[in-house]
Amino acid sequence: MAKLKIKTIVEKCEGCNQIVDKEDGLYCKSYADPSIMWKDDTCIRASHVKRAIASIETKINPLKASKRAARGG
């Protein structure tokens, strides 16, 4: 069985609470190769990144809205 090669963190990981400081470098607690998680510019375990939530505005049909208001719902 091959031993898994654990790689050090990348620059984008700095500030995350998943980092472990060992004597030979900084490593991620969650991933053996953190650079793979940042290939799409998003790491799902990154605690230091604020994710924007897109607000979804739905258009309401005025005819349906008036019918709902008329029946009290």
PDB file of N, CA and C in Angstrom:
ATOM      1  N   MET A   1       0.845  -1.162   0.000  1.00  0.00           N
ATOM      2  CA  MET A   1       0.000   0.000   0.000  1.00  0.00           C
ATOM      3  C   MET A   1       0.902   1.240   0.000  1.00  0.00           C
ATOM      4  N   ALA A   2       0.626   2.172  -0.899  1.00  0.00           N
ATOM      5  CA  ALA A   2       1.431   3.386  -1.023  1.00  0.00           C
ATOM      6  C   ALA A   2       1.053   4.379   0.066  1.00  0.00           C
ATOM      7  N   LYS A   3       2.083   5.039   0.590  1.00  0.00           N
ATOM      8  CA  LYS A   3       1.850   6.051   1.615  1.00  0.00           C
ATOM      9  C   LYS A   3       1.439   7.352   0.937  1.00  0.00           C
ATOM     10  N   LEU A   4       0.453   8.026   1.487  1.00  0.00           N
ATOM     11  CA  LEU A   4      -0.068   9.271   0.946  1.00  0.00           C
ATOM     12  C   LEU A   4       0.906  10.405   1.233  1.00  0.00           C
ATOM     13  N   LYS A   5       1.271  11.160   0.215  1.00  0.00           N
ATOM     14  CA  LYS A   5       2.181  12.287   0.356  1.00  0.00           C
ATOM     15  C   LYS A   5       1.368  13.519   0.746  1.00  0.00           C
ATOM     16  N   ILE A   6       1.611  14.025   1.934  1.00  0.00           N
ATOM     17  CA  ILE A   6       0.904  15.204   2.421  1.00  0.00           C
ATOM     18  C   ILE A   6       1.705  16.431   2.022  1.00  0.00           C
ATOM     19  N   LYS A   7       1.018  17.403   1.420  1.00  0.00           N
ATOM     20  CA  LYS A   7       1.665  18.614   0.931  1.00  0.00           C
ATOM     21  C   LYS A   7       1.336  19.796   1.830  1.00  0.00           C
ATOM     22  N   THR A   8       2.203  20.792   1.821  1.00  0.00           N
ATOM     23  CA  THR A   8       1.995  21.987   2.632  1.00  0.00           C
ATOM     24  C   THR A   8       0.890  22.854   2.031  1.00  0.00           C
ATOM     25  N   ILE A   9       0.413  23.790   2.829  1.00  0.00           N
ATOM     26  CA  ILE A   9      -0.681  24.653   2.389  1.00  0.00           C
ATOM     27  C   ILE A   9      -0.218  25.612   1.294  1.00  0.00           C
ATOM     28  N   VAL A  10      -1.168  26.149   0.578  1.00  0.00           N
ATOM     29  CA  VAL A  10      -0.891  27.160  -0.444  1.00  0.00           C
ATOM     30  C   VAL A  10      -1.179  28.536   0.149  1.00  0.00           C
ATOM     31  N   GLU A  11      -0.833  29.577  -0.566  1.00  0.00           N
ATOM     32  CA  GLU A  11      -0.977  30.950  -0.074  1.00  0.00           C
ATOM     33  C   GLU A  11      -2.426  31.298   0.266  1.00  0.00           C
ATOM     34  N   LYS A  12      -3.380  30.773  -0.504  1.00  0.00           N
ATOM     35  CA  LYS A  12      -4.792  31.081  -0.284  1.00  0.00           C
ATOM     36  C   LYS A  12      -5.326  30.491   1.020  1.00  0.00           C
ATOM     37  N   CYS A  13      -4.616  29.514   1.581  1.00  0.00           N
ATOM     38  CA  CYS A  13      -5.044  28.869   2.820  1.00  0.00           C
ATOM     39  C   CYS A  13      -4.729  29.698   4.064  1.00  0.00           C
ATOM     40  N   GLU A  14      -3.859  30.663   3.956  1.00  0.00           N
ATOM     41  CA  GLU A  14      -3.420  31.413   5.126  1.00  0.00           C
ATOM     42  C   GLU A  14      -4.592  32.147   5.782  1.00  0.00           C
ATOM     43  N   GLY A  15      -4.725  31.962   7.088  1.00  0.00           N
ATOM     44  CA  GLY A  15      -5.813  32.555   7.844  1.00  0.00           C
ATOM     45  C   GLY A  15      -6.916  31.572   8.182  1.00  0.00           C
ATOM     46  N   CYS A  16      -6.857  30.380   7.644  1.00  0.00           N
ATOM     47  CA  CYS A  16      -7.883  29.357   7.882  1.00  0.00           C
ATOM     48  C   CYS A  16      -7.645  28.680   9.231  1.00  0.00           C
ATOM     49  N   ASN A  17      -8.715  28.228   9.876  1.00  0.00           N
ATOM     50  CA  ASN A  17      -8.547  27.543  11.156  1.00  0.00           C
ATOM     51  C   ASN A  17      -8.279  26.046  10.987  1.00  0.00           C
ATOM     52  N   GLN A  18      -8.155  25.565   9.765  1.00  0.00           N
ATOM     53  CA  GLN A  18      -7.857  24.169   9.494  1.00  0.00           C
ATOM     54  C   GLN A  18      -6.352  23.897   9.404  1.00  0.00           C
ATOM     55  N   ILE A  19      -5.531  24.924   9.613  1.00  0.00           N
ATOM     56  CA  ILE A  19      -4.077  24.799   9.459  1.00  0.00           C
ATOM     57  C   ILE A  19      -3.461  24.220  10.726  1.00  0.00           C
ATOM     58  N   VAL A  20      -2.550  23.275  10.521  1.00  0.00           N
ATOM     59  CA  VAL A  20      -1.795  22.672  11.605  1.00  0.00           C
ATOM     60  C   VAL A  20      -0.334  23.036  11.402  1.00  0.00           C
ATOM     61  N   ASP A  21       0.318  23.532  12.465  1.00  0.00           N
ATOM     62  CA  ASP A  21       1.724  23.933  12.400  1.00  0.00           C
ATOM     63  C   ASP A  21       2.591  22.778  12.881  1.00  0.00           C
ATOM     64  N   LYS A  22       3.343  22.179  11.972  1.00  0.00           N
ATOM     65  CA  LYS A  22       4.288  21.112  12.315  1.00  0.00           C
ATOM     66  C   LYS A  22       5.694  21.681  12.189  1.00  0.00           C
ATOM     67  N   GLU A  23       6.679  20.949  12.638  1.00  0.00           N
ATOM     68  CA  GLU A  23       8.041  21.469  12.604  1.00  0.00           C
ATOM     69  C   GLU A  23       8.594  21.650  11.193  1.00  0.00           C
ATOM     70  N   ASP A  24       8.071  20.929  10.229  1.00  0.00           N
ATOM     71  CA  ASP A  24       8.583  21.053   8.857  1.00  0.00           C
ATOM     72  C   ASP A  24       7.667  21.853   7.939  1.00  0.00           C
ATOM     73  N   GLY A  25       6.624  22.520   8.468  1.00  0.00           N
ATOM     74  CA  GLY A  25       5.766  23.361   7.640  1.00  0.00           C
ATOM     75  C   GLY A  25       4.338  23.425   8.142  1.00  0.00           C
ATOM     76  N   LEU A  26       3.509  24.123   7.389  1.00  0.00           N
ATOM     77  CA  LEU A  26       2.095  24.265   7.709  1.00  0.00           C
ATOM     78  C   LEU A  26       1.290  23.302   6.833  1.00  0.00           C
ATOM     79  N   TYR A  27       0.361  22.588   7.454  1.00  0.00           N
ATOM     80  CA  TYR A  27      -0.430  21.592   6.748  1.00  0.00           C
ATOM     81  C   TYR A  27      -1.916  21.792   7.035  1.00  0.00           C
ATOM     82  N   CYS A  28      -2.751  21.301   6.127  1.00  0.00           N
ATOM     83  CA  CYS A  28      -4.198  21.361   6.291  1.00  0.00           C
ATOM     84  C   CYS A  28      -4.672  20.118   7.032  1.00  0.00           C
ATOM     85  N   LYS A  29      -5.579  20.306   8.014  1.00  0.00           N
ATOM     86  CA  LYS A  29      -6.141  19.174   8.752  1.00  0.00           C
ATOM     87  C   LYS A  29      -7.068  18.329   7.878  1.00  0.00           C
ATOM     88  N   SER A  30      -7.685  18.954   6.880  1.00  0.00           N
ATOM     89  CA  SER A  30      -8.729  18.281   6.112  1.00  0.00           C
ATOM     90  C   SER A  30      -8.251  17.614   4.829  1.00  0.00           C
ATOM     91  N   TYR A  31      -7.245  18.207   4.176  1.00  0.00           N
ATOM     92  CA  TYR A  31      -6.857  17.725   2.855  1.00  0.00           C
ATOM     93  C   TYR A  31      -5.362  17.465   2.769  1.00  0.00           C
ATOM     94  N   ALA A  32      -4.995  16.388   2.115  1.00  0.00           N
ATOM     95  CA  ALA A  32      -3.580  16.046   1.929  1.00  0.00           C
ATOM     96  C   ALA A  32      -2.917  16.979   0.930  1.00  0.00           C
ATOM     97  N   ASP A  33      -3.666  17.437  -0.067  1.00  0.00           N
ATOM     98  CA  ASP A  33      -3.134  18.370  -1.066  1.00  0.00           C
ATOM     99  C   ASP A  33      -4.090  19.553  -1.190  1.00  0.00           C
ATOM    100  N   PRO A  34      -3.885  20.608  -0.407  1.00  0.00           N
ATOM    101  CA  PRO A  34      -4.801  21.755  -0.409  1.00  0.00           C
ATOM    102  C   PRO A  34      -4.883  22.482  -1.747  1.00  0.00           C
ATOM    103  N   SER A  35      -3.853  22.400  -2.568  1.00  0.00           N
ATOM    104  CA  SER A  35      -3.886  23.115  -3.853  1.00  0.00           C
ATOM    105  C   SER A  35      -4.995  22.606  -4.757  1.00  0.00           C
ATOM    106  N   ILE A  36      -5.367  21.361  -4.625  1.00  0.00           N
ATOM    107  CA  ILE A  36      -6.460  20.801  -5.437  1.00  0.00           C
ATOM    108  C   ILE A  36      -7.787  21.459  -5.077  1.00  0.00           C
ATOM    109  N   MET A  37      -7.983  21.755  -3.791  1.00  0.00           N
ATOM    110  CA  MET A  37      -9.236  22.362  -3.356  1.00  0.00           C
ATOM    111  C   MET A  37      -9.379  23.801  -3.833  1.00  0.00           C
ATOM    112  N   TRP A  38      -8.271  24.475  -4.143  1.00  0.00           N
ATOM    113  CA  TRP A  38      -8.312  25.865  -4.572  1.00  0.00           C
ATOM    114  C   TRP A  38      -8.259  26.014  -6.086  1.00  0.00           C
ATOM    115  N   LYS A  39      -8.329  24.933  -6.843  1.00  0.00           N
ATOM    116  CA  LYS A  39      -8.222  25.061  -8.299  1.00  0.00           C
ATOM    117  C   LYS A  39      -9.385  25.836  -8.904  1.00  0.00           C
ATOM    118  N   ASP A  40     -10.552  25.825  -8.262  1.00  0.00           N
ATOM    119  CA  ASP A  40     -11.712  26.587  -8.742  1.00  0.00           C
ATOM    120  C   ASP A  40     -11.912  27.870  -7.930  1.00  0.00           C
ATOM    121  N   ASP A  41     -10.893  28.281  -7.193  1.00  0.00           N
ATOM    122  CA  ASP A  41     -10.917  29.463  -6.337  1.00  0.00           C
ATOM    123  C   ASP A  41     -11.900  29.355  -5.186  1.00  0.00           C
ATOM    124  N   THR A  42     -12.290  28.148  -4.823  1.00  0.00           N
ATOM    125  CA  THR A  42     -13.149  27.960  -3.662  1.00  0.00           C
ATOM    126  C   THR A  42     -12.767  26.671  -2.945  1.00  0.00           C
ATOM    127  N   CYS A  43     -12.463  26.791  -1.676  1.00  0.00           N
ATOM    128  CA  CYS A  43     -12.232  25.618  -0.839  1.00  0.00           C
ATOM    129  C   CYS A  43     -13.430  25.530   0.103  1.00  0.00           C
ATOM    130  N   ILE A  44     -14.098  24.402   0.137  1.00  0.00           N
ATOM    131  CA  ILE A  44     -15.313  24.290   0.929  1.00  0.00           C
ATOM    132  C   ILE A  44     -15.047  24.312   2.429  1.00  0.00           C
ATOM    133  N   ARG A  45     -13.822  24.054   2.862  1.00  0.00           N
ATOM    134  CA  ARG A  45     -13.483  24.059   4.279  1.00  0.00           C
ATOM    135  C   ARG A  45     -12.834  25.360   4.730  1.00  0.00           C
ATOM    136  N   ALA A  46     -12.684  26.324   3.848  1.00  0.00           N
ATOM    137  CA  ALA A  46     -12.001  27.578   4.183  1.00  0.00           C
ATOM    138  C   ALA A  46     -12.843  28.393   5.166  1.00  0.00           C
ATOM    139  N   SER A  47     -12.318  28.567   6.373  1.00  0.00           N
ATOM    140  CA  SER A  47     -13.059  29.298   7.398  1.00  0.00           C
ATOM    141  C   SER A  47     -12.832  30.797   7.303  1.00  0.00           C
ATOM    142  N   HIS A  48     -11.840  31.211   6.568  1.00  0.00           N
ATOM    143  CA  HIS A  48     -11.482  32.625   6.497  1.00  0.00           C
ATOM    144  C   HIS A  48     -12.089  33.334   5.287  1.00  0.00           C
ATOM    145  N   VAL A  49     -12.833  32.617   4.471  1.00  0.00           N
ATOM    146  CA  VAL A  49     -13.432  33.188   3.270  1.00  0.00           C
ATOM    147  C   VAL A  49     -14.913  33.419   3.519  1.00  0.00           C
ATOM    148  N   LYS A  50     -15.359  34.620   3.251  1.00  0.00           N
ATOM    149  CA  LYS A  50     -16.779  34.938   3.373  1.00  0.00           C
ATOM    150  C   LYS A  50     -17.446  34.692   2.028  1.00  0.00           C
ATOM    151  N   ARG A  51     -18.464  33.882   2.047  1.00  0.00           N
ATOM    152  CA  ARG A  51     -19.174  33.558   0.815  1.00  0.00           C
ATOM    153  C   ARG A  51     -20.390  34.463   0.675  1.00  0.00           C
ATOM    154  N   ALA A  52     -20.542  35.000  -0.515  1.00  0.00           N
ATOM    155  CA  ALA A  52     -21.692  35.869  -0.781  1.00  0.00           C
ATOM    156  C   ALA A  52     -22.892  35.009  -1.158  1.00  0.00           C
ATOM    157  N   ILE A  53     -24.003  35.344  -0.595  1.00  0.00           N
ATOM    158  CA  ILE A  53     -25.238  34.636  -0.916  1.00  0.00           C
ATOM    159  C   ILE A  53     -26.017  35.504  -1.890  1.00  0.00           C
ATOM    160  N   ALA A  54     -26.273  34.944  -3.041  1.00  0.00           N
ATOM    161  CA  ALA A  54     -26.982  35.694  -4.076  1.00  0.00           C
ATOM    162  C   ALA A  54     -28.457  35.796  -3.693  1.00  0.00           C
ATOM    163  N   SER A  55     -28.958  36.993  -3.738  1.00  0.00           N
ATOM    164  CA  SER A  55     -30.379  37.171  -3.457  1.00  0.00           C
ATOM    165  C   SER A  55     -31.155  36.911  -4.744  1.00  0.00           C
ATOM    166  N   ILE A  56     -32.210  36.200  -4.587  1.00  0.00           N
ATOM    167  CA  ILE A  56     -33.024  35.835  -5.746  1.00  0.00           C
ATOM    168  C   ILE A  56     -34.322  36.626  -5.685  1.00  0.00           C
ATOM    169  N   GLU A  57     -34.505  37.464  -6.670  1.00  0.00           N
ATOM    170  CA  GLU A  57     -35.749  38.208  -6.748  1.00  0.00           C
ATOM    171  C   GLU A  57     -36.672  37.486  -7.720  1.00  0.00           C
ATOM    172  N   THR A  58     -37.833  37.148  -7.232  1.00  0.00           N
ATOM    173  CA  THR A  58     -38.800  36.492  -8.101  1.00  0.00           C
ATOM    174  C   THR A  58     -39.865  37.500  -8.501  1.00  0.00           C
ATOM    175  N   LYS A  59     -40.228  37.434  -9.720  1.00  0.00           N
ATOM    176  CA  LYS A  59     -41.280  38.326 -10.194  1.00  0.00           C
ATOM    177  C   LYS A  59     -42.631  37.703  -9.876  1.00  0.00           C
ATOM    178  N   ILE A  60     -43.485  38.520  -9.359  1.00  0.00           N
ATOM    179  CA  ILE A  60     -44.820  38.055  -8.994  1.00  0.00           C
ATOM    180  C   ILE A  60     -45.794  38.517 -10.068  1.00  0.00           C
ATOM    181  N   ASN A  61     -46.560  37.575 -10.510  1.00  0.00           N
ATOM    182  CA  ASN A  61     -47.583  37.881 -11.499  1.00  0.00           C
ATOM    183  C   ASN A  61     -48.653  38.739 -10.817  1.00  0.00           C
ATOM    184  N   PRO A  62     -48.899  39.965 -11.316  1.00  0.00           N
ATOM    185  CA  PRO A  62     -49.861  40.856 -10.654  1.00  0.00           C
ATOM    186  C   PRO A  62     -51.272  40.286 -10.586  1.00  0.00           C
ATOM    187  N   LEU A  63     -51.681  39.531 -11.578  1.00  0.00           N
ATOM    188  CA  LEU A  63     -53.018  38.945 -11.577  1.00  0.00           C
ATOM    189  C   LEU A  63     -53.152  37.912 -10.454  1.00  0.00           C
ATOM    190  N   LYS A  64     -52.139  37.047 -10.310  1.00  0.00           N
ATOM    191  CA  LYS A  64     -52.160  36.049  -9.243  1.00  0.00           C
ATOM    192  C   LYS A  64     -52.074  36.713  -7.868  1.00  0.00           C
ATOM    193  N   ALA A  65     -51.289  37.771  -7.761  1.00  0.00           N
ATOM    194  CA  ALA A  65     -51.153  38.480  -6.494  1.00  0.00           C
ATOM    195  C   ALA A  65     -52.475  39.100  -6.077  1.00  0.00           C
ATOM    196  N   SER A  66     -53.198  39.659  -7.012  1.00  0.00           N
ATOM    197  CA  SER A  66     -54.484  40.269  -6.667  1.00  0.00           C
ATOM    198  C   SER A  66     -55.507  39.206  -6.269  1.00  0.00           C
ATOM    199  N   LYS A  67     -55.466  38.049  -6.899  1.00  0.00           N
ATOM    200  CA  LYS A  67     -56.381  36.967  -6.540  1.00  0.00           C
ATOM    201  C   LYS A  67     -56.068  36.449  -5.138  1.00  0.00           C
ATOM    202  N   ARG A  68     -54.774  36.313  -4.815  1.00  0.00           N
ATOM    203  CA  ARG A  68     -54.387  35.885  -3.476  1.00  0.00           C
ATOM    204  C   ARG A  68     -54.835  36.896  -2.425  1.00  0.00           C
ATOM    205  N   ALA A  69     -54.661  38.162  -2.717  1.00  0.00           N
ATOM    206  CA  ALA A  69     -55.066  39.220  -1.772  1.00  0.00           C
ATOM    207  C   ALA A  69     -56.573  39.212  -1.570  1.00  0.00           C
ATOM    208  N   ALA A  70     -57.324  38.944  -2.640  1.00  0.00           N
ATOM    209  CA  ALA A  70     -58.790  38.949  -2.559  1.00  0.00           C
ATOM    210  C   ALA A  70     -59.297  37.792  -1.688  1.00  0.00           C
ATOM    211  N   ARG A  71     -58.639  36.672  -1.735  1.00  0.00           N
ATOM    212  CA  ARG A  71     -59.105  35.531  -0.937  1.00  0.00           C
ATOM    213  C   ARG A  71     -58.502  35.509   0.454  1.00  0.00           C
ATOM    214  N   GLY A  72     -57.575  36.449   0.714  1.00  0.00           N
ATOM    215  CA  GLY A  72     -57.003  36.565   2.066  1.00  0.00           C
ATOM    216  C   GLY A  72     -55.785  35.706   2.265  1.00  0.00           C
ATOM    217  N   GLY A  73     -55.082  35.313   1.238  1.00  0.00           N
ATOM    218  CA  GLY A  73     -53.918  34.422   1.405  1.00  0.00           C
ATOM    219  C   GLY A  73     -52.716  35.037   0.962  1.00  0.00           C
TER     220      GLY A  73
END
